[in-house]
C-alpha atoms as a PDB file:
ATOM      1  CA  MET A   1      30.129  52.142  -0.956  1.00  0.00           C
ATOM      2  CA  THR A   2      27.657  49.324  -1.554  1.00  0.00           C
ATOM      3  CA  GLN A   3      28.687  45.987  -0.084  1.00  0.00           C
ATOM      4  CA  THR A   4      27.559  42.874  -1.996  1.00  0.00           C
ATOM      5  CA  LEU A   5      27.980  39.140  -1.549  1.00  0.00           C
ATOM      6  CA  THR A   6      26.633  36.176  -3.527  1.00  0.00           C
ATOM      7  CA  PHE A   7      27.013  32.509  -2.638  1.00  0.00           C
ATOM      8  CA  THR A   8      25.311  29.189  -3.370  1.00  0.00           C
ATOM      9  CA  ILE A   9      24.605  26.381  -0.925  1.00  0.00           C
ATOM     10  CA  ASP A  10      23.972  23.020  -2.577  1.00  0.00           C
ATOM     11  CA  GLY A  11      21.446  20.629  -1.070  1.00  0.00           C
ATOM     12  CA  GLN A  12      17.989  20.930   0.415  1.00  0.00           C
ATOM     13  CA  PRO A  13      17.798  23.771   2.958  1.00  0.00           C
ATOM     14  CA  TYR A  14      15.927  23.247   6.204  1.00  0.00           C
ATOM     15  CA  GLY A  15      14.054  25.652   8.406  1.00  0.00           C
ATOM     16  CA  PHE A  16      15.149  26.443  11.931  1.00  0.00           C
ATOM     17  CA  GLY A  17      12.357  24.203  13.306  1.00  0.00           C
ATOM     18  CA  LYS A  18      11.160  26.326  16.192  1.00  0.00           C
ATOM     19  CA  ASN A  19       8.854  24.363  18.410  1.00  0.00           C
ATOM     20  CA  HIS A  20       8.485  23.932  22.140  1.00  0.00           C
ATOM     21  CA  ALA A  21      11.302  21.379  22.460  1.00  0.00           C
ATOM     22  CA  ASN A  22      13.991  23.101  20.397  1.00  0.00           C
ATOM     23  CA  PHE A  23      13.203  26.804  20.325  1.00  0.00           C
ATOM     24  CA  ARG A  24      16.725  27.953  21.220  1.00  0.00           C
ATOM     25  CA  ARG A  25      18.908  25.600  19.174  1.00  0.00           C
ATOM     26  CA  GLY A  26      16.771  24.462  16.215  1.00  0.00           C
ATOM     27  CA  ASN A  27      16.234  20.873  15.184  1.00  0.00           C
ATOM     28  CA  SER A  28      18.900  18.281  14.371  1.00  0.00           C
ATOM     29  CA  GLN A  29      18.123  18.332  10.635  1.00  0.00           C
ATOM     30  CA  PHE A  30      18.668  22.101  10.612  1.00  0.00           C
ATOM     31  CA  ALA A  31      21.868  21.772  12.665  1.00  0.00           C
ATOM     32  CA  LYS A  32      23.264  19.221  10.196  1.00  0.00           C
ATOM     33  CA  TRP A  33      22.324  21.430   7.225  1.00  0.00           C
ATOM     34  CA  LYS A  34      23.864  24.499   8.908  1.00  0.00           C
ATOM     35  CA  ARG A  35      27.215  22.710   9.443  1.00  0.00           C
ATOM     36  CA  GLU A  36      27.328  21.583   5.807  1.00  0.00           C
ATOM     37  CA  ALA A  37      26.216  25.004   4.556  1.00  0.00           C
ATOM     38  CA  ASN A  38      28.959  26.686   6.568  1.00  0.00           C
ATOM     39  CA  LYS A  39      31.589  24.402   4.993  1.00  0.00           C
ATOM     40  CA  GLN A  40      30.297  25.302   1.542  1.00  0.00           C
ATOM     41  CA  LEU A  41      30.185  29.001   2.389  1.00  0.00           C
ATOM     42  CA  MET A  42      33.786  29.018   3.642  1.00  0.00           C
ATOM     43  CA  GLY A  43      34.847  27.388   0.367  1.00  0.00           C
ATOM     44  CA  GLN A  44      33.301  30.257  -1.605  1.00  0.00           C
ATOM     45  CA  VAL A  45      34.057  33.378   0.414  1.00  0.00           C
ATOM     46  CA  LYS A  46      37.187  34.414   2.243  1.00  0.00           C
ATOM     47  CA  ASN A  47      37.761  37.303   4.647  1.00  0.00           C
ATOM     48  CA  VAL A  48      34.223  38.661   4.432  1.00  0.00           C
ATOM     49  CA  THR A  49      33.488  41.846   6.302  1.00  0.00           C
ATOM     50  CA  PRO A  50      30.176  41.262   8.096  1.00  0.00           C
ATOM     51  CA  PHE A  51      27.242  43.391   6.990  1.00  0.00           C
ATOM     52  CA  THR A  52      26.627  45.946   9.759  1.00  0.00           C
ATOM     53  CA  THR A  53      24.100  48.164   7.978  1.00  0.00           C
ATOM     54  CA  PRO A  54      20.626  47.435   6.529  1.00  0.00           C
ATOM     55  CA  VAL A  55      20.616  44.681   3.900  1.00  0.00           C
ATOM     56  CA  HIS A  56      18.522  43.527   0.939  1.00  0.00           C
ATOM     57  CA  MET A  57      18.599  39.722   0.629  1.00  0.00           C
ATOM     58  CA  MET A  58      17.712  38.008  -2.641  1.00  0.00           C
ATOM     59  CA  LEU A  59      17.093  34.285  -2.238  1.00  0.00           C
ATOM     60  CA  ASP A  60      16.645  31.851  -5.104  1.00  0.00           C
ATOM     61  CA  TYR A  61      15.457  28.463  -3.884  1.00  0.00           C
ATOM     62  CA  VAL A  62      15.484  25.281  -5.981  1.00  0.00           C
ATOM     63  CA  PRO A  63      13.780  22.427  -4.088  1.00  0.00           C
ATOM     64  CA  GLY A  64      14.926  18.876  -4.589  1.00  0.00           C
ATOM     65  CA  ASP A  65      11.561  17.194  -4.123  1.00  0.00           C
ATOM     66  CA  ARG A  66       7.814  17.811  -4.236  1.00  0.00           C
ATOM     67  CA  ARG A  67       7.442  18.320  -0.500  1.00  0.00           C
ATOM     68  CA  VAL A  68       5.767  21.617   0.238  1.00  0.00           C
ATOM     69  CA  ARG A  69       7.930  23.686   2.557  1.00  0.00           C
ATOM     70  CA  ASP A  70       6.905  26.829   4.319  1.00  0.00           C
ATOM     71  CA  ALA A  71       8.786  29.782   2.808  1.00  0.00           C
ATOM     72  CA  THR A  72       8.898  31.559   6.160  1.00  0.00           C
ATOM     73  CA  ALA A  73      10.572  28.539   7.780  1.00  0.00           C
ATOM     74  CA  ILE A  74      13.220  28.421   5.056  1.00  0.00           C
ATOM     75  CA  LEU A  75      13.789  32.161   5.347  1.00  0.00           C
ATOM     76  CA  ASP A  76      14.059  31.926   9.137  1.00  0.00           C
ATOM     77  CA  GLY A  77      16.672  29.192   8.773  1.00  0.00           C
ATOM     78  CA  ILE A  78      18.669  31.223   6.242  1.00  0.00           C
ATOM     79  CA  LEU A  79      18.516  34.354   8.422  1.00  0.00           C
ATOM     80  CA  HIS A  80      19.733  32.366  11.423  1.00  0.00           C
ATOM     81  CA  PHE A  81      22.513  30.837   9.317  1.00  0.00           C
ATOM     82  CA  LEU A  82      23.664  34.249   8.026  1.00  0.00           C
ATOM     83  CA  GLU A  83      23.984  35.570  11.569  1.00  0.00           C
ATOM     84  CA  ALA A  84      25.584  32.408  13.002  1.00  0.00           C
ATOM     85  CA  SER A  85      28.151  32.297  10.181  1.00  0.00           C
ATOM     86  CA  GLY A  86      29.113  35.934  10.723  1.00  0.00           C
ATOM     87  CA  ILE A  87      27.919  37.161   7.335  1.00  0.00           C
ATOM     88  CA  VAL A  88      25.535  39.643   8.960  1.00  0.00           C
ATOM     89  CA  GLU A  89      26.148  41.154  12.358  1.00  0.00           C
ATOM     90  CA  ASN A  90      22.496  40.630  13.295  1.00  0.00           C
ATOM     91  CA  ASP A  91      19.677  39.190  11.195  1.00  0.00           C
ATOM     92  CA  LYS A  92      17.495  42.169  12.134  1.00  0.00           C
ATOM     93  CA  LEU A  93      19.605  44.126   9.614  1.00  0.00           C
ATOM     94  CA  ILE A  94      17.886  42.309   6.737  1.00  0.00           C
ATOM     95  CA  LYS A  95      15.220  44.860   5.869  1.00  0.00           C
ATOM     96  CA  LYS A  96      14.206  43.770   2.375  1.00  0.00           C
ATOM     97  CA  ILE A  97      13.758  40.208   1.100  1.00  0.00           C
ATOM     98  CA  SER A  98      13.204  38.945  -2.434  1.00  0.00           C
ATOM     99  CA  TYR A  99      12.294  35.239  -2.453  1.00  0.00           C
ATOM    100  CA  VAL A 100      11.900  33.172  -5.619  1.00  0.00           C
ATOM    101  CA  GLU A 101      11.082  29.464  -5.589  1.00  0.00           C
ATOM    102  CA  HIS A 102      12.050  27.708  -8.804  1.00  0.00           C
ATOM    103  CA  PRO A 103      10.803  24.361 -10.166  1.00  0.00           C
ATOM    104  CA  LYS A 104      12.146  21.306  -8.391  1.00  0.00           C
ATOM    105  CA  ASN A 105      15.420  19.775  -9.487  1.00  0.00           C
ATOM    106  CA  PRO A 106      16.097  16.473  -7.705  1.00  0.00           C
ATOM    107  CA  HIS A 107      19.645  16.421  -9.091  1.00  0.00           C
ATOM    108  CA  ASN A 108      20.625  19.925  -7.951  1.00  0.00           C
ATOM    109  CA  PRO A 109      18.607  21.362  -5.029  1.00  0.00           C
ATOM    110  CA  ARG A 110      20.161  24.592  -3.755  1.00  0.00           C
ATOM    111  CA  ILE A 111      19.802  28.129  -2.592  1.00  0.00           C
ATOM    112  CA  GLN A 112      21.572  31.141  -3.975  1.00  0.00           C
ATOM    113  CA  VAL A 113      21.811  34.127  -1.688  1.00  0.00           C
ATOM    114  CA  THR A 114      22.751  37.634  -2.778  1.00  0.00           C
ATOM    115  CA  LEU A 115      23.132  40.360  -0.167  1.00  0.00           C
ATOM    116  CA  PHE A 116      23.310  44.090  -0.908  1.00  0.00           C
ATOM    117  CA  SER A 117      23.846  46.829   1.616  1.00  0.00           C
ATOM    118  CA  LEU A 118      20.995  49.339   1.508  1.00  0.00           C
ATOM    119  CA  ASP A 119      21.488  53.065   1.547  1.00  0.00           C
ATOM    120  CA  MET A 120      19.058  54.175   4.244  1.00  0.00           C
END
């Protein structure tokens, strides 16, 4: 049976911010975003069974400003968030990624994540 999950996190997402000073815990901006994202996630999904098999992640990103953000940093932050929130058992299970960046919307920045279990 294919497992699926879709949710939306409002607000500007932040990357994990791996650098020499904060490699293990991420930066404070990311930590703040992760707490808020988790609150939003818990308001949308209840009693989710974590993904424990390979996953395809579709990510739609709507930035809130013109700042150029590195897609890999955003993806890294989302992958870390999915594992930390218990949605996926381990982010190494995400084997396929579809990433779409939409035009900016300063009134409604957000990400929408859809996860599908893969038959492998």
